[in-house]
Amino acid sequence: MASWNHILLREEYARMEPDRDVVNLVPMLEKRNAKKILDLGCGAGRHVIFLAKRGFELHGVDSSKIGLEITRKRLKERELKAELINGDMKAIPYANSCFDAIICMNTIYHQRKAELQKTILEIHRILKKNGLILANFHSKRSSRYGKGIKIEEDTFVDETGPERGIPHHYVDEEELKELLKGFRIIELRVDEEKVGDYLRSRITVVAEKAEKKIQKY
């Protein structure tokens, strides 16, 4: 069974090029005078480094000690600074209302639905009023949906490949809006790419904290 400590040693999981959505978020962050940003599930640190270079105060949380070691090394090589914590996204070790923005790319959906809900509650808790979240989610339209071992509705565990043993939860737009009911959605986009008969489908969302507290799901 794979673990993130092993997965993040693979070149394709430790690339340096930032996601285009993180790049595109920078003007909005600057317009809002955002300063303190958390990369939740920061992995090998590509977004920590990208945003730190642009003068933001970066914090990173990840469950993988290997990923954090790679990030620390890359930061040191570039003479950049960021606070990195080995932690669980369901219990983020930060005080209430302390971040201007949180990014969570290619990671939040590696959980059961109840765990995903806990993570969103935590994101909501530690964001400042009108703070931003950028995250992406696996779409039910994906050809990958339904593959692997079903552990609950819309959640499947890979049986093969580099993410063997890792859960993947899939959503549609209706479920995603319910998950983010404490936020005001600024942008919601479905990105799809077809290679032969295989459809890669993800939903990317930018939203701002709108409610003081999310009521129970």
C-alpha atoms as a PDB file:
ATOM      1  CA  MET A   1       0.000   0.000   0.000  1.00  0.00           C
ATOM      2  CA  ALA A   2       1.281   3.452  -0.930  1.00  0.00           C
ATOM      3  CA  SER A   3       1.843   6.263   1.554  1.00  0.00           C
ATOM      4  CA  TRP A   4       2.389   9.950   0.860  1.00  0.00           C
ATOM      5  CA  ASN A   5       5.963   9.626   2.141  1.00  0.00           C
ATOM      6  CA  HIS A   6       6.647   7.211  -0.733  1.00  0.00           C
ATOM      7  CA  ILE A   7       4.466   8.978  -3.297  1.00  0.00           C
ATOM      8  CA  LEU A   8       6.208  12.340  -2.850  1.00  0.00           C
ATOM      9  CA  LEU A   9       9.562  10.757  -3.719  1.00  0.00           C
ATOM     10  CA  ARG A  10       8.214  10.235  -7.251  1.00  0.00           C
ATOM     11  CA  GLU A  11       9.261  12.924  -9.731  1.00  0.00           C
ATOM     12  CA  GLU A  12       5.727  13.527 -11.048  1.00  0.00           C
ATOM     13  CA  TYR A  13       4.501  14.314  -7.517  1.00  0.00           C
ATOM     14  CA  ALA A  14       7.404  16.643  -6.680  1.00  0.00           C
ATOM     15  CA  ARG A  15       7.451  18.928  -9.727  1.00  0.00           C
ATOM     16  CA  MET A  16       8.159  22.622  -9.288  1.00  0.00           C
ATOM     17  CA  GLU A  17       5.826  24.268 -11.812  1.00  0.00           C
ATOM     18  CA  PRO A  18       2.867  25.897 -10.001  1.00  0.00           C
ATOM     19  CA  ASP A  19      -0.714  25.118 -10.924  1.00  0.00           C
ATOM     20  CA  ARG A  20      -2.145  27.745 -13.284  1.00  0.00           C
ATOM     21  CA  ASP A  21      -5.001  28.431 -10.845  1.00  0.00           C
ATOM     22  CA  VAL A  22      -2.516  29.397  -8.135  1.00  0.00           C
ATOM     23  CA  VAL A  23      -0.720  31.678 -10.603  1.00  0.00           C
ATOM     24  CA  ASN A  24      -4.034  33.236 -11.630  1.00  0.00           C
ATOM     25  CA  LEU A  25      -5.011  33.803  -7.993  1.00  0.00           C
ATOM     26  CA  VAL A  26      -2.097  36.158  -7.303  1.00  0.00           C
ATOM     27  CA  PRO A  27      -3.720  39.336  -8.726  1.00  0.00           C
ATOM     28  CA  MET A  28      -6.806  38.727  -6.568  1.00  0.00           C
ATOM     29  CA  LEU A  29      -4.641  38.195  -3.495  1.00  0.00           C
ATOM     30  CA  GLU A  30      -2.735  41.396  -4.195  1.00  0.00           C
ATOM     31  CA  LYS A  31      -5.926  43.373  -4.839  1.00  0.00           C
ATOM     32  CA  ARG A  32      -7.282  42.227  -1.475  1.00  0.00           C
ATOM     33  CA  ASN A  33      -3.970  43.019   0.241  1.00  0.00           C
ATOM     34  CA  ALA A  34      -3.684  39.403   1.376  1.00  0.00           C
ATOM     35  CA  LYS A  35      -0.516  38.647   3.295  1.00  0.00           C
ATOM     36  CA  LYS A  36      -0.752  35.392   5.278  1.00  0.00           C
ATOM     37  CA  ILE A  37      -1.425  32.291   3.181  1.00  0.00           C
ATOM     38  CA  LEU A  38      -1.675  28.590   4.041  1.00  0.00           C
ATOM     39  CA  ASP A  39      -0.915  25.827   1.554  1.00  0.00           C
ATOM     40  CA  LEU A  40      -2.938  22.951   2.990  1.00  0.00           C
ATOM     41  CA  GLY A  41      -1.496  19.674   1.786  1.00  0.00           C
ATOM     42  CA  CYS A  42       1.619  21.455   0.541  1.00  0.00           C
ATOM     43  CA  GLY A  43       3.402  18.266  -0.587  1.00  0.00           C
ATOM     44  CA  ALA A  44       6.844  18.993  -2.015  1.00  0.00           C
ATOM     45  CA  GLY A  45       6.280  22.733  -1.771  1.00  0.00           C
ATOM     46  CA  ARG A  46       5.834  24.067  -5.303  1.00  0.00           C
ATOM     47  CA  HIS A  47       3.117  26.536  -4.263  1.00  0.00           C
ATOM     48  CA  VAL A  48       4.820  27.478  -1.000  1.00  0.00           C
ATOM     49  CA  ILE A  49       7.887  28.456  -3.014  1.00  0.00           C
ATOM     50  CA  PHE A  50       5.952  30.176  -5.812  1.00  0.00           C
ATOM     51  CA  LEU A  51       3.990  32.387  -3.404  1.00  0.00           C
ATOM     52  CA  ALA A  52       6.899  33.022  -1.019  1.00  0.00           C
ATOM     53  CA  LYS A  53       8.872  34.377  -3.986  1.00  0.00           C
ATOM     54  CA  ARG A  54       6.104  36.912  -4.478  1.00  0.00           C
ATOM     55  CA  GLY A  55       6.421  38.268  -0.961  1.00  0.00           C
ATOM     56  CA  PHE A  56       3.540  36.540   0.802  1.00  0.00           C
ATOM     57  CA  GLU A  57       3.904  35.073   4.302  1.00  0.00           C
ATOM     58  CA  LEU A  58       3.644  31.345   3.643  1.00  0.00           C
ATOM     59  CA  HIS A  59       2.641  28.495   5.891  1.00  0.00           C
ATOM     60  CA  GLY A  60       2.424  24.865   4.828  1.00  0.00           C
ATOM     61  CA  VAL A  61       0.741  21.858   6.445  1.00  0.00           C
ATOM     62  CA  ASP A  62       1.184  18.295   5.233  1.00  0.00           C
ATOM     63  CA  SER A  63       0.888  14.795   6.661  1.00  0.00           C
ATOM     64  CA  SER A  64       4.067  13.697   4.857  1.00  0.00           C
ATOM     65  CA  LYS A  65       7.363  14.310   6.625  1.00  0.00           C
ATOM     66  CA  ILE A  66       9.177  13.518   3.370  1.00  0.00           C
ATOM     67  CA  GLY A  67       7.200  16.196   1.535  1.00  0.00           C
ATOM     68  CA  LEU A  68       8.076  18.739   4.213  1.00  0.00           C
ATOM     69  CA  GLU A  69      11.771  17.766   4.083  1.00  0.00           C
ATOM     70  CA  ILE A  70      11.783  18.353   0.315  1.00  0.00           C
ATOM     71  CA  THR A  71      10.037  21.697   0.791  1.00  0.00           C
ATOM     72  CA  ARG A  72      12.509  22.829   3.467  1.00  0.00           C
ATOM     73  CA  LYS A  73      15.436  21.916   1.219  1.00  0.00           C
ATOM     74  CA  ARG A  74      13.964  23.799  -1.727  1.00  0.00           C
ATOM     75  CA  LEU A  75      13.236  26.856   0.395  1.00  0.00           C
ATOM     76  CA  LYS A  76      16.789  26.898   1.745  1.00  0.00           C
ATOM     77  CA  GLU A  77      18.262  26.578  -1.755  1.00  0.00           C
ATOM     78  CA  ARG A  78      16.273  29.660  -2.809  1.00  0.00           C
ATOM     79  CA  GLU A  79      16.850  31.586   0.446  1.00  0.00           C
ATOM     80  CA  LEU A  80      13.122  31.714   1.108  1.00  0.00           C
ATOM     81  CA  LYS A  81      11.237  31.284   4.372  1.00  0.00           C
ATOM     82  CA  ALA A  82       7.964  29.588   5.301  1.00  0.00           C
ATOM     83  CA  GLU A  83       6.539  27.932   8.394  1.00  0.00           C
ATOM     84  CA  LEU A  84       5.988  24.216   7.792  1.00  0.00           C
ATOM     85  CA  ILE A  85       4.025  21.886  10.052  1.00  0.00           C
ATOM     86  CA  ASN A  86       3.524  18.134   9.944  1.00  0.00           C
ATOM     87  CA  GLY A  87      -0.203  17.903  10.620  1.00  0.00           C
ATOM     88  CA  ASP A  88      -3.666  16.692   9.753  1.00  0.00           C
ATOM     89  CA  MET A  89      -5.972  18.811   7.582  1.00  0.00           C
ATOM     90  CA  LYS A  90      -8.934  17.675   9.708  1.00  0.00           C
ATOM     91  CA  ALA A  91      -7.371  19.385  12.756  1.00  0.00           C
ATOM     92  CA  ILE A  92      -5.314  22.285  11.434  1.00  0.00           C
ATOM     93  CA  PRO A  93      -2.965  23.570  14.168  1.00  0.00           C
ATOM     94  CA  TYR A  94      -3.704  27.290  13.800  1.00  0.00           C
ATOM     95  CA  ALA A  95      -5.859  29.797  15.667  1.00  0.00           C
ATOM     96  CA  ASN A  96      -9.241  31.021  14.478  1.00  0.00           C
ATOM     97  CA  SER A  97      -9.395  33.662  11.734  1.00  0.00           C
ATOM     98  CA  CYS A  98      -5.666  33.917  11.113  1.00  0.00           C
ATOM     99  CA  PHE A  99      -5.277  33.443   7.337  1.00  0.00           C
ATOM    100  CA  ASP A 100      -6.111  35.740   4.443  1.00  0.00           C
ATOM    101  CA  ALA A 101      -6.200  32.824   1.999  1.00  0.00           C
ATOM    102  CA  ILE A 102      -5.869  29.046   1.871  1.00  0.00           C
ATOM    103  CA  ILE A 103      -4.988  26.966  -1.160  1.00  0.00           C
ATOM    104  CA  CYS A 104      -5.652  23.245  -1.254  1.00  0.00           C
ATOM    105  CA  MET A 105      -4.784  21.779  -4.630  1.00  0.00           C
ATOM    106  CA  ASN A 106      -4.970  18.089  -5.588  1.00  0.00           C
ATOM    107  CA  THR A 107      -5.303  16.930  -1.999  1.00  0.00           C
ATOM    108  CA  ILE A 108      -8.575  17.708  -0.183  1.00  0.00           C
ATOM    109  CA  TYR A 109     -10.474  14.894  -1.927  1.00  0.00           C
ATOM    110  CA  HIS A 110      -8.187  12.135  -0.599  1.00  0.00           C
ATOM    111  CA  GLN A 111     -10.632  11.481   2.254  1.00  0.00           C
ATOM    112  CA  ARG A 112     -14.023  10.069   3.115  1.00  0.00           C
ATOM    113  CA  LYS A 113     -16.878  12.561   2.871  1.00  0.00           C
ATOM    114  CA  ALA A 114     -17.157  13.071   6.653  1.00  0.00           C
ATOM    115  CA  GLU A 115     -13.418  13.795   6.791  1.00  0.00           C
ATOM    116  CA  LEU A 116     -13.766  16.219   3.883  1.00  0.00           C
ATOM    117  CA  GLN A 117     -16.512  18.028   5.777  1.00  0.00           C
ATOM    118  CA  LYS A 118     -14.263  18.296   8.857  1.00  0.00           C
ATOM    119  CA  THR A 119     -11.512  19.765   6.702  1.00  0.00           C
ATOM    120  CA  ILE A 120     -13.830  22.395   5.240  1.00  0.00           C
ATOM    121  CA  LEU A 121     -15.008  23.305   8.741  1.00  0.00           C
ATOM    122  CA  GLU A 122     -11.367  23.763   9.745  1.00  0.00           C
ATOM    123  CA  ILE A 123     -10.629  25.884   6.667  1.00  0.00           C
ATOM    124  CA  HIS A 124     -13.635  28.051   7.486  1.00  0.00           C
ATOM    125  CA  ARG A 125     -12.501  28.371  11.114  1.00  0.00           C
ATOM    126  CA  ILE A 126      -8.975  29.586  10.400  1.00  0.00           C
ATOM    127  CA  LEU A 127      -9.853  31.956   7.543  1.00  0.00           C
ATOM    128  CA  LYS A 128     -10.367  35.622   8.282  1.00  0.00           C
ATOM    129  CA  LYS A 129     -13.672  37.258   7.376  1.00  0.00           C
ATOM    130  CA  ASN A 130     -13.888  37.360   3.556  1.00  0.00           C
ATOM    131  CA  GLY A 131     -10.751  35.208   3.363  1.00  0.00           C
ATOM    132  CA  LEU A 132     -10.273  33.194   0.181  1.00  0.00           C
ATOM    133  CA  ILE A 133     -10.074  29.491  -0.509  1.00  0.00           C
ATOM    134  CA  LEU A 134      -8.801  27.972  -3.745  1.00  0.00           C
ATOM    135  CA  ALA A 135      -9.337  24.218  -4.041  1.00  0.00           C
ATOM    136  CA  ASN A 136     -10.027  21.552  -6.614  1.00  0.00           C
ATOM    137  CA  PHE A 137     -12.079  18.364  -6.419  1.00  0.00           C
ATOM    138  CA  HIS A 138     -12.487  15.166  -8.420  1.00  0.00           C
ATOM    139  CA  SER A 139     -15.652  15.285 -10.514  1.00  0.00           C
ATOM    140  CA  LYS A 140     -18.101  12.394 -10.791  1.00  0.00           C
ATOM    141  CA  ARG A 141     -17.850  12.847 -14.565  1.00  0.00           C
ATOM    142  CA  SER A 142     -14.273  11.553 -14.472  1.00  0.00           C
ATOM    143  CA  SER A 143     -13.563   8.178 -16.061  1.00  0.00           C
ATOM    144  CA  ARG A 144     -11.816   7.353 -12.792  1.00  0.00           C
ATOM    145  CA  TYR A 145     -15.116   7.559 -10.904  1.00  0.00           C
ATOM    146  CA  GLY A 146     -16.245   4.123  -9.736  1.00  0.00           C
ATOM    147  CA  LYS A 147     -12.801   2.530 -10.175  1.00  0.00           C
ATOM    148  CA  GLY A 148     -11.130   0.738  -7.270  1.00  0.00           C
ATOM    149  CA  ILE A 149     -12.629  -0.441  -3.991  1.00  0.00           C
ATOM    150  CA  LYS A 150     -15.797   1.401  -2.976  1.00  0.00           C
ATOM    151  CA  ILE A 151     -15.569   2.296   0.723  1.00  0.00           C
ATOM    152  CA  GLU A 152     -18.659   4.518   0.805  1.00  0.00           C
ATOM    153  CA  GLU A 153     -20.895   6.388  -1.624  1.00  0.00           C
ATOM    154  CA  ASP A 154     -18.737   8.286  -4.153  1.00  0.00           C
ATOM    155  CA  THR A 155     -15.468   7.328  -2.430  1.00  0.00           C
ATOM    156  CA  PHE A 156     -13.084   4.752  -3.899  1.00  0.00           C
ATOM    157  CA  VAL A 157      -9.626   3.447  -3.005  1.00  0.00           C
ATOM    158  CA  ASP A 158      -7.092   2.815  -5.763  1.00  0.00           C
ATOM    159  CA  GLU A 159      -6.060  -0.822  -6.103  1.00  0.00           C
ATOM    160  CA  THR A 160      -3.113  -0.173  -8.434  1.00  0.00           C
ATOM    161  CA  GLY A 161      -0.730   2.592  -9.413  1.00  0.00           C
ATOM    162  CA  PRO A 162       1.253   5.113  -7.342  1.00  0.00           C
ATOM    163  CA  GLU A 163      -1.807   5.999  -5.219  1.00  0.00           C
ATOM    164  CA  ARG A 164      -2.675   2.411  -4.349  1.00  0.00           C
ATOM    165  CA  GLY A 165      -4.554   2.365  -1.049  1.00  0.00           C
ATOM    166  CA  ILE A 166      -5.341   6.098  -1.174  1.00  0.00           C
ATOM    167  CA  PRO A 167      -9.040   7.151  -1.060  1.00  0.00           C
ATOM    168  CA  HIS A 168     -10.583   9.505  -3.623  1.00  0.00           C
ATOM    169  CA  HIS A 169     -13.921  11.226  -3.050  1.00  0.00           C
ATOM    170  CA  TYR A 170     -15.850  12.498  -6.072  1.00  0.00           C
ATOM    171  CA  VAL A 171     -18.367  15.339  -6.162  1.00  0.00           C
ATOM    172  CA  ASP A 172     -20.748  17.060  -8.537  1.00  0.00           C
ATOM    173  CA  GLU A 173     -21.484  20.796  -8.536  1.00  0.00           C
ATOM    174  CA  GLU A 174     -24.537  20.388  -6.296  1.00  0.00           C
ATOM    175  CA  GLU A 175     -22.624  18.520  -3.595  1.00  0.00           C
ATOM    176  CA  LEU A 176     -19.707  20.936  -3.792  1.00  0.00           C
ATOM    177  CA  LYS A 177     -21.988  23.917  -3.234  1.00  0.00           C
ATOM    178  CA  GLU A 178     -23.450  22.146  -0.189  1.00  0.00           C
ATOM    179  CA  LEU A 179     -19.966  21.445   1.176  1.00  0.00           C
ATOM    180  CA  LEU A 180     -19.091  25.131   0.739  1.00  0.00           C
ATOM    181  CA  LYS A 181     -22.330  26.525   2.141  1.00  0.00           C
ATOM    182  CA  GLY A 182     -20.420  28.770   4.550  1.00  0.00           C
ATOM    183  CA  PHE A 183     -18.647  30.421   1.628  1.00  0.00           C
ATOM    184  CA  ARG A 184     -19.588  32.778  -1.198  1.00  0.00           C
ATOM    185  CA  ILE A 185     -18.499  31.209  -4.480  1.00  0.00           C
ATOM    186  CA  ILE A 186     -16.565  33.611  -6.702  1.00  0.00           C
ATOM    187  CA  GLU A 187     -15.638  31.156  -9.444  1.00  0.00           C
ATOM    188  CA  LEU A 188     -16.561  27.537 -10.101  1.00  0.00           C
ATOM    189  CA  ARG A 189     -15.141  25.844 -13.157  1.00  0.00           C
ATOM    190  CA  VAL A 190     -15.184  22.294 -14.515  1.00  0.00           C
ATOM    191  CA  ASP A 191     -11.906  21.396 -16.242  1.00  0.00           C
ATOM    192  CA  GLU A 192     -12.000  18.387 -18.532  1.00  0.00           C
ATOM    193  CA  GLU A 193      -9.493  16.716 -20.803  1.00  0.00           C
ATOM    194  CA  LYS A 194     -10.164  13.646 -22.899  1.00  0.00           C
ATOM    195  CA  VAL A 195      -7.353  11.285 -23.878  1.00  0.00           C
ATOM    196  CA  GLY A 196      -8.755   8.534 -26.061  1.00  0.00           C
ATOM    197  CA  ASP A 197     -11.709   7.143 -24.147  1.00  0.00           C
ATOM    198  CA  TYR A 198     -10.479   8.491 -20.791  1.00  0.00           C
ATOM    199  CA  LEU A 199     -12.023  11.685 -19.402  1.00  0.00           C
ATOM    200  CA  ARG A 200     -10.123  13.626 -16.748  1.00  0.00           C
ATOM    201  CA  SER A 201     -12.587  15.885 -14.932  1.00  0.00           C
ATOM    202  CA  ARG A 202     -12.068  18.170 -11.935  1.00  0.00           C
ATOM    203  CA  ILE A 203     -13.986  21.048 -10.413  1.00  0.00           C
ATOM    204  CA  THR A 204     -11.984  24.087  -9.315  1.00  0.00           C
ATOM    205  CA  VAL A 205     -13.466  26.689  -7.005  1.00  0.00           C
ATOM    206  CA  VAL A 206     -12.480  30.075  -5.616  1.00  0.00           C
ATOM    207  CA  ALA A 207     -14.678  31.197  -2.712  1.00  0.00           C
ATOM    208  CA  GLU A 208     -14.635  33.619   0.196  1.00  0.00           C
ATOM    209  CA  LYS A 209     -15.685  33.056   3.782  1.00  0.00           C
ATOM    210  CA  ALA A 210     -19.224  34.409   4.096  1.00  0.00           C
ATOM    211  CA  GLU A 211     -20.746  33.039   7.293  1.00  0.00           C
ATOM    212  CA  LYS A 212     -19.547  33.311  10.886  1.00  0.00           C
ATOM    213  CA  LYS A 213     -20.036  29.603  11.345  1.00  0.00           C
ATOM    214  CA  ILE A 214     -21.080  26.624   9.251  1.00  0.00           C
ATOM    215  CA  GLN A 215     -23.958  24.754  10.823  1.00  0.00           C
ATOM    216  CA  LYS A 216     -23.593  20.985  10.950  1.00  0.00           C
ATOM    217  CA  TYR A 217     -23.818  19.169   7.641  1.00  0.00           C
END
